[in-house]
Protein backbone atom coordinates (compact mmCIF):
# COMPACT_ATOMS: atom_id res chain seq x y z
CA MET A 1 85.71 81.92 123.92
CA ASN A 2 85.31 80.18 127.87
CA LYS A 3 88.80 81.23 129.71
CA PHE A 4 89.39 77.62 130.29
CA GLU A 5 88.74 75.93 127.27
CA HIS A 6 90.46 72.94 125.90
CA GLY A 7 91.25 70.72 122.99
CA GLY A 8 90.01 67.48 122.25
CA ASN A 9 86.19 68.39 121.85
CA ILE A 10 85.10 65.77 118.95
CA TYR A 11 81.62 65.05 120.64
CA ALA A 12 79.66 67.91 118.45
CA ALA A 13 78.48 66.04 115.07
CA ARG A 14 79.40 67.08 111.96
CA ASP A 15 76.76 68.43 110.09
CA ASN A 16 77.63 65.80 107.07
CA GLY A 17 78.12 63.24 110.58
CA GLU A 18 81.51 61.89 109.76
CA ALA A 19 84.32 62.40 111.94
CA TRP A 20 86.60 65.30 113.01
CA LEU A 21 89.99 65.34 112.09
CA ASP A 22 91.44 66.86 115.50
CA PHE A 23 94.68 68.33 116.06
CA SER A 24 93.35 69.92 118.71
CA ALA A 25 94.54 67.01 121.66
CA ASN A 26 98.60 66.65 122.19
CA VAL A 27 97.99 63.04 122.09
CA ASN A 28 100.26 60.29 121.14
CA PRO A 29 98.95 59.86 117.32
CA LEU A 30 99.93 56.11 117.15
CA GLY A 31 96.96 55.38 119.27
CA LEU A 32 96.61 52.67 122.10
CA SER A 33 99.53 49.98 121.42
CA SER A 34 98.45 46.68 121.64
CA ALA A 35 99.33 45.36 124.97
CA VAL A 36 97.11 48.56 126.62
CA TYR A 37 94.19 47.56 124.29
CA GLN A 38 94.50 43.65 125.38
CA SER A 39 95.06 44.46 129.04
CA VAL A 40 91.86 46.73 128.92
CA SER A 41 89.74 44.47 127.05
CA LEU A 42 90.47 41.59 129.27
CA GLY A 43 89.90 43.67 132.24
CA ILE A 44 86.60 44.37 131.88
CA LYS A 45 85.77 41.51 133.65
CA ASP A 46 87.16 42.83 136.80
CA VAL A 47 85.46 46.59 136.95
CA VAL A 48 83.13 44.74 139.89
CA HIS A 49 86.06 44.60 142.29
CA TYR A 50 87.49 47.35 143.70
CA PRO A 51 90.87 48.94 142.04
CA ASP A 52 93.75 48.28 144.55
CA PRO A 53 94.00 50.97 146.66
CA LYS A 54 97.67 50.72 146.95
CA ALA A 55 98.45 50.75 142.95
CA ALA A 56 101.07 48.09 143.52
CA GLU A 57 101.67 47.29 140.18
CA LEU A 58 101.35 50.36 138.61
CA LYS A 59 103.64 51.81 140.96
CA LYS A 60 105.91 48.87 140.67
CA ALA A 61 105.85 49.46 136.17
CA ILE A 62 106.55 53.17 137.51
CA GLU A 63 109.36 52.62 139.67
CA ALA A 64 111.17 50.60 136.90
CA CYS A 65 110.52 53.25 133.78
CA TYR A 66 110.93 56.11 135.84
CA ASN A 67 113.73 54.84 137.85
CA VAL A 68 112.02 56.35 141.42
CA PRO A 69 111.41 54.91 144.26
CA SER A 70 107.31 53.93 145.33
CA TYR A 71 107.12 56.21 148.55
CA GLU A 72 108.03 59.08 146.42
CA LEU A 73 104.92 58.60 144.13
CA VAL A 74 101.71 59.82 144.22
CA LEU A 75 98.83 58.37 141.73
CA GLY A 76 96.50 60.88 140.02
CA ASN A 77 93.53 60.31 137.99
CA GLY A 78 95.50 62.18 135.00
CA ALA A 79 98.48 64.47 135.50
CA SER A 80 95.67 67.87 136.12
CA GLU A 81 94.00 66.58 139.37
CA LEU A 82 97.80 66.71 141.05
CA PHE A 83 97.86 70.27 140.41
CA TYR A 84 94.73 70.79 142.37
CA LEU A 85 95.45 68.22 144.80
CA PHE A 86 98.61 69.73 145.51
CA LEU A 87 97.91 73.70 145.53
CA GLN A 88 94.57 72.50 148.04
CA THR A 89 97.02 70.56 150.20
CA VAL A 90 100.10 72.95 150.46
CA ARG A 91 97.78 76.43 150.46
CA PRO A 92 100.37 79.17 148.69
CA ARG A 93 99.17 82.51 148.93
CA ASN A 94 100.81 83.33 145.29
CA VAL A 95 101.39 81.44 142.60
CA LEU A 96 103.81 82.57 139.94
CA LEU A 97 103.23 81.54 136.08
CA PRO A 98 105.63 82.31 133.07
CA VAL A 99 102.94 82.27 130.55
CA PRO A 100 101.94 81.68 128.12
CA SER A 101 101.23 78.39 130.22
CA PHE A 102 98.81 75.55 130.49
CA SER A 103 95.42 77.36 131.46
CA GLU A 104 94.82 74.44 134.74
CA TYR A 105 97.86 75.81 136.18
CA GLU A 106 95.87 78.78 136.67
CA ARG A 107 92.82 77.18 137.55
CA ALA A 108 93.56 75.28 140.21
CA ALA A 109 95.71 77.87 141.77
CA LEU A 110 92.45 79.74 141.68
CA ALA A 111 90.66 76.95 143.16
CA ALA A 112 92.90 77.27 145.94
CA ARG A 113 91.89 81.01 146.53
CA ALA A 114 95.62 82.02 145.18
CA LYS A 115 96.19 85.18 144.13
CA VAL A 116 98.17 84.39 140.49
CA ASN A 117 100.85 86.61 139.19
CA CYS A 118 102.42 86.44 135.55
CA PHE A 119 105.70 86.57 134.18
CA GLN A 120 105.53 87.08 130.50
CA MET A 121 107.59 85.52 127.73
CA ASP A 122 108.86 86.97 124.69
CA PRO A 123 107.53 85.39 121.65
CA ASP A 124 110.53 87.14 119.72
CA ASP A 125 112.71 84.33 122.15
CA ASN A 126 110.45 81.57 120.97
CA PHE A 127 109.33 81.73 124.52
CA ARG A 128 112.17 81.21 126.60
CA ILE A 129 112.07 82.17 129.83
CA ASP A 130 114.45 85.46 130.73
CA TRP A 131 116.47 83.87 133.73
CA ASP A 132 117.91 87.01 135.15
CA SER A 133 114.61 88.75 135.14
CA PHE A 134 112.52 85.70 136.26
CA MET A 135 114.99 85.65 139.26
CA GLY A 136 113.78 89.19 140.24
CA ALA A 137 110.05 88.33 139.66
CA LEU A 138 110.54 85.34 143.01
CA ALA A 139 109.70 87.51 145.87
CA VAL A 140 106.26 88.08 144.83
CA ALA A 141 105.84 84.26 144.66
CA ASP A 142 105.74 81.19 147.25
CA CYS A 143 104.97 78.62 144.79
CA ILE A 144 105.94 78.53 141.16
CA ILE A 145 104.62 76.29 138.58
CA LEU A 146 106.64 75.43 135.44
CA GLY A 147 105.81 73.41 132.38
CA ASN A 148 108.53 71.46 130.71
CA PRO A 149 108.44 71.30 127.45
CA ASN A 150 106.14 74.13 128.01
CA ASN A 151 102.59 73.77 126.08
CA PRO A 152 101.47 75.62 123.93
CA THR A 153 105.10 76.67 123.20
CA GLY A 154 107.12 73.82 123.77
CA SER A 155 109.80 75.58 124.58
CA LEU A 156 112.31 73.85 127.09
CA ILE A 157 114.10 74.42 130.24
CA THR A 158 117.42 72.57 130.60
CA ARG A 159 117.92 70.56 134.21
CA ASN A 160 120.72 72.82 134.98
CA GLU A 161 119.13 75.94 134.32
CA LEU A 162 115.86 74.26 137.03
CA VAL A 163 119.00 72.94 139.67
CA HIS A 164 119.93 77.00 139.48
CA LEU A 165 116.38 78.47 140.07
CA LEU A 166 116.24 75.70 143.41
CA ASP A 167 119.35 76.64 144.79
CA GLU A 168 118.10 80.26 144.52
CA MET A 169 115.12 79.06 146.48
CA ARG A 170 116.62 76.81 148.92
CA GLY A 171 116.25 77.69 152.53
CA GLY A 172 113.05 80.02 151.88
CA HIS A 173 109.33 79.14 151.79
CA GLN A 174 108.76 78.35 148.15
CA TRP A 175 107.57 75.54 146.17
CA LEU A 176 108.40 74.85 142.44
CA VAL A 177 106.23 72.40 141.01
CA VAL A 178 107.40 71.34 137.71
CA ASP A 179 104.92 69.52 134.93
CA GLU A 180 107.17 66.82 132.62
CA SER A 181 103.96 65.88 131.15
CA PHE A 182 105.36 65.83 127.68
CA LEU A 183 108.90 64.52 127.91
CA ASP A 184 108.00 61.15 127.18
CA PHE A 185 108.28 61.99 123.59
CA LEU A 186 112.00 63.31 123.98
CA PRO A 187 114.38 59.91 122.68
CA TYR A 188 115.84 61.07 126.21
CA ASP A 189 115.10 63.38 129.30
CA SER A 190 117.99 63.60 131.51
CA ARG A 191 118.99 67.01 130.12
CA TYR A 192 116.01 68.02 131.50
CA THR A 193 114.10 66.25 133.99
CA VAL A 194 114.12 66.73 137.87
CA ARG A 195 112.46 63.91 139.18
CA ASP A 196 115.48 62.34 140.84
CA LEU A 197 116.13 65.35 142.77
CA VAL A 198 113.21 65.32 145.12
CA GLU A 199 114.67 64.35 148.14
CA GLU A 200 117.75 66.84 147.73
CA TYR A 201 115.07 69.91 147.34
CA PRO A 202 111.88 68.72 149.40
CA ASN A 203 110.15 72.27 147.86
CA LEU A 204 110.00 70.04 144.65
CA PHE A 205 107.17 68.49 143.13
CA VAL A 206 107.44 67.24 139.64
CA ILE A 207 104.03 65.87 137.92
CA GLN A 208 104.10 63.42 134.64
CA SER A 209 101.29 62.28 132.81
CA LEU A 210 100.67 58.93 131.50
CA THR A 211 97.82 60.15 129.24
CA LYS A 212 99.27 62.16 126.37
CA PHE A 213 102.61 59.53 126.12
CA TYR A 214 100.49 56.56 125.85
CA ALA A 215 97.21 57.92 124.22
CA LEU A 216 95.05 57.24 127.32
CA PRO A 217 93.19 60.87 127.77
CA GLY A 218 89.58 58.83 128.36
CA LEU A 219 90.81 56.82 131.27
CA ARG A 220 93.15 59.50 132.79
CA LEU A 221 96.53 58.56 134.03
CA GLY A 222 99.44 60.32 135.76
CA PHE A 223 101.74 60.40 139.03
CA GLY A 224 103.63 62.77 140.85
CA VAL A 225 107.07 62.66 142.56
CA ALA A 226 107.84 64.30 145.99
CA CYS A 227 110.08 64.17 149.15
CA PRO A 228 108.72 61.31 151.55
CA MET A 229 107.13 63.59 153.63
CA LEU A 230 105.35 65.75 150.93
CA ALA A 231 104.43 62.70 149.12
CA LYS A 232 103.03 61.15 152.40
CA LYS A 233 100.96 64.37 152.97
CA LEU A 234 99.54 64.55 149.35
CA ASN A 235 98.31 60.64 149.46
CA ALA A 236 96.24 61.39 152.78
CA GLY A 237 94.53 64.12 151.02
CA LYS A 238 93.61 62.59 147.79
CA ASP A 239 90.55 59.85 147.42
CA VAL A 240 91.82 56.12 148.10
CA TRP A 241 90.25 55.11 144.84
CA ASN A 242 91.42 58.15 142.40
CA VAL A 243 92.95 55.76 139.73
CA ASN A 244 90.18 52.82 138.49
CA LEU A 245 90.99 49.55 137.80
CA LEU A 246 91.64 49.98 134.02
CA ALA A 247 93.11 52.98 134.46
CA GLN A 248 96.05 50.74 136.52
CA LYS A 249 96.23 48.06 134.30
CA ALA A 250 96.43 50.08 131.04
CA GLY A 251 99.31 51.97 132.96
CA VAL A 252 101.01 48.53 133.79
CA ALA A 253 100.54 47.34 130.23
CA ALA A 254 101.82 50.70 128.72
CA LEU A 255 104.60 50.95 130.80
CA ASN A 256 106.35 47.30 130.21
CA ASP A 257 105.92 47.94 126.10
CA LYS A 258 109.40 49.10 124.98
CA GLU A 259 108.57 48.74 121.35
CA TYR A 260 105.75 50.77 121.40
CA GLN A 261 107.68 53.56 123.38
CA GLN A 262 110.80 53.28 120.94
CA HIS A 263 108.70 53.42 117.82
CA SER A 264 106.50 56.82 118.96
CA ARG A 265 109.49 58.15 119.58
CA LYS A 266 111.48 57.92 116.69
CA PHE A 267 108.11 59.00 114.63
CA ILE A 268 107.57 62.04 116.35
CA ALA A 269 111.19 63.06 116.37
CA GLU A 270 111.02 62.61 112.45
CA GLU A 271 107.65 63.50 111.97
CA ARG A 272 107.52 66.82 113.54
CA GLN A 273 110.42 68.05 111.79
CA ARG A 274 108.83 67.45 108.77
CA PHE A 275 105.62 69.07 109.36
CA PHE A 276 107.36 72.03 110.61
CA GLU A 277 109.42 72.63 107.73
CA ARG A 278 106.21 71.92 105.62
CA ILE A 279 103.82 74.14 107.82
CA ASN A 280 106.28 77.46 108.89
CA GLY A 281 106.12 80.14 106.47
CA ARG A 282 103.23 79.02 104.49
CA LYS A 283 100.71 81.95 103.71
CA GLY A 284 101.51 84.08 106.56
CA ILE A 285 102.18 81.36 109.29
CA ARG A 286 104.92 81.61 111.90
CA ALA A 287 105.55 78.24 113.01
CA TYR A 288 107.51 77.88 116.65
CA PRO A 289 109.86 75.00 116.30
CA PRO A 290 108.26 72.04 117.88
CA SER A 291 110.27 69.83 120.67
CA VAL A 292 107.43 67.31 121.12
CA ASN A 293 104.30 66.26 119.82
CA PHE A 294 102.41 69.51 119.16
CA MET A 295 103.27 73.33 117.51
CA LEU A 296 102.26 76.59 118.29
CA LEU A 297 100.97 78.79 115.30
CA ASP A 298 101.22 82.20 114.74
CA VAL A 299 98.44 83.06 111.94
CA ARG A 300 98.38 86.45 112.39
CA GLY A 301 100.14 87.17 108.90
CA THR A 302 97.59 85.47 107.06
CA GLY A 303 95.25 88.56 107.48
CA LEU A 304 92.63 86.03 109.71
CA THR A 305 92.20 85.88 113.58
CA SER A 306 92.40 82.89 115.55
CA SER A 307 89.28 82.06 116.04
CA GLU A 308 88.16 82.65 111.80
CA PHE A 309 91.29 80.48 111.08
CA THR A 310 90.20 77.85 113.23
CA GLN A 311 86.21 77.95 112.14
CA ARG A 312 87.92 77.53 108.65
CA LEU A 313 89.58 74.55 109.52
CA ARG A 314 86.12 73.71 110.87
CA GLU A 315 84.38 73.94 107.97
CA LYS A 316 86.79 71.30 106.04
CA GLY A 317 86.49 69.07 109.05
CA ILE A 318 89.31 69.73 111.17
CA LEU A 319 89.95 71.03 114.77
CA VAL A 320 92.78 73.07 115.36
CA ARG A 321 93.33 74.83 119.24
CA ASP A 322 92.37 78.32 119.17
CA CYS A 323 94.73 79.81 121.80
CA ALA A 324 92.87 82.99 122.64
CA ASN A 325 92.08 82.15 125.92
CA TYR A 326 95.78 81.60 126.88
CA LEU A 327 97.48 83.84 129.50
CA GLY A 328 100.34 85.83 128.07
CA LEU A 329 99.66 85.23 124.13
CA ASP A 330 98.42 88.61 121.95
CA GLY A 331 94.82 88.35 121.22
CA GLU A 332 93.34 86.02 118.65
CA SER A 333 96.50 85.50 116.66
CA TYR A 334 97.64 81.62 118.00
CA VAL A 335 96.74 78.31 117.35
CA ARG A 336 98.13 75.21 118.62
CA VAL A 337 98.43 72.04 116.18
CA ALA A 338 99.12 68.38 117.46
CA ILE A 339 101.55 66.36 115.43
CA ARG A 340 99.36 63.48 113.80
CA GLN A 341 100.29 60.74 111.38
CA SER A 342 101.83 61.96 108.13
CA ALA A 343 98.87 61.27 105.80
CA GLU A 344 96.68 63.43 108.20
CA ASN A 345 99.35 66.01 109.03
CA ASP A 346 99.68 66.57 105.34
CA ARG A 347 95.58 67.03 105.03
CA LEU A 348 95.86 70.03 106.83
CA ILE A 349 98.96 71.20 104.81
CA ASP A 350 96.15 70.45 101.77
CA ALA A 351 93.63 72.52 103.77
CA LEU A 352 95.65 75.34 104.65
CA GLU A 353 96.58 75.85 100.73
CA GLU A 354 92.83 75.95 100.06
CA LEU A 355 92.14 78.09 102.76
């Protein structure tokens, strides 16, 4: 398995020609909002023009939705681009990653020629960070990257915990990058987000994806929040047209669609609990409690490796994320599944019964 392989690869054709049922990509199961669909459809005629290099309308929509000033914003062609941009710009020598975590953190660090140090989180404690031990590991790093909630475990870090960490780092020469890409799925994020603290802590960079919650992975869209000095430096280091015209239009429409946002959060809150209760403990499967729109499964009790488990489901037309290439996960014991529409989730449960 490729070390940096991701989920969501639906492009390999099935033998019977039918479409895959994709649980491997963590995207809003409600799909595109009608407002986004209409905006992109109408915007096709405008692709003969360059996108707005200042992305003024998109920044205005982000300001209103996330309550951050435009001078703190750095727009990205998806959130992933911003990890590379940040690390290539600040050039840390040693990056500390609590693992398991999103593989692009490691890949972006290696691309910037940084040494990657791992801090192992305990599966028996639902992969929460042991803060006493973690504080002791800070000395080896000049940059720490945290997912909140973390991918693939779904574990959350509270705002208070992050503030305590930032206070411990104050006055030093360490960067903290917080990936809040899935926080939009929570009904309220005030207990977790730190995007409003970048001016108080200028060593903080917060990244937010807009592709996950608004189902736009094919368009690619995200943003970062940084203190004005860092934001200016990052903006100077990126392609001026890195966010294409259709992505800008889709972002504006998505951020203004309050009904879609409320419906999505309500649906995920209800369906993730129902899905968790149905799948946890089924035939040797341990499910870690989901916080947002995905769930980590320990499948070793089935007697199958994660690759065997994944292949059996592929034979039924179902894709799940084999987590064998995640740093910090035990061998071939884990898979990750997205939370989809209720009928689709039930289809996965039925497939597990047969398997």
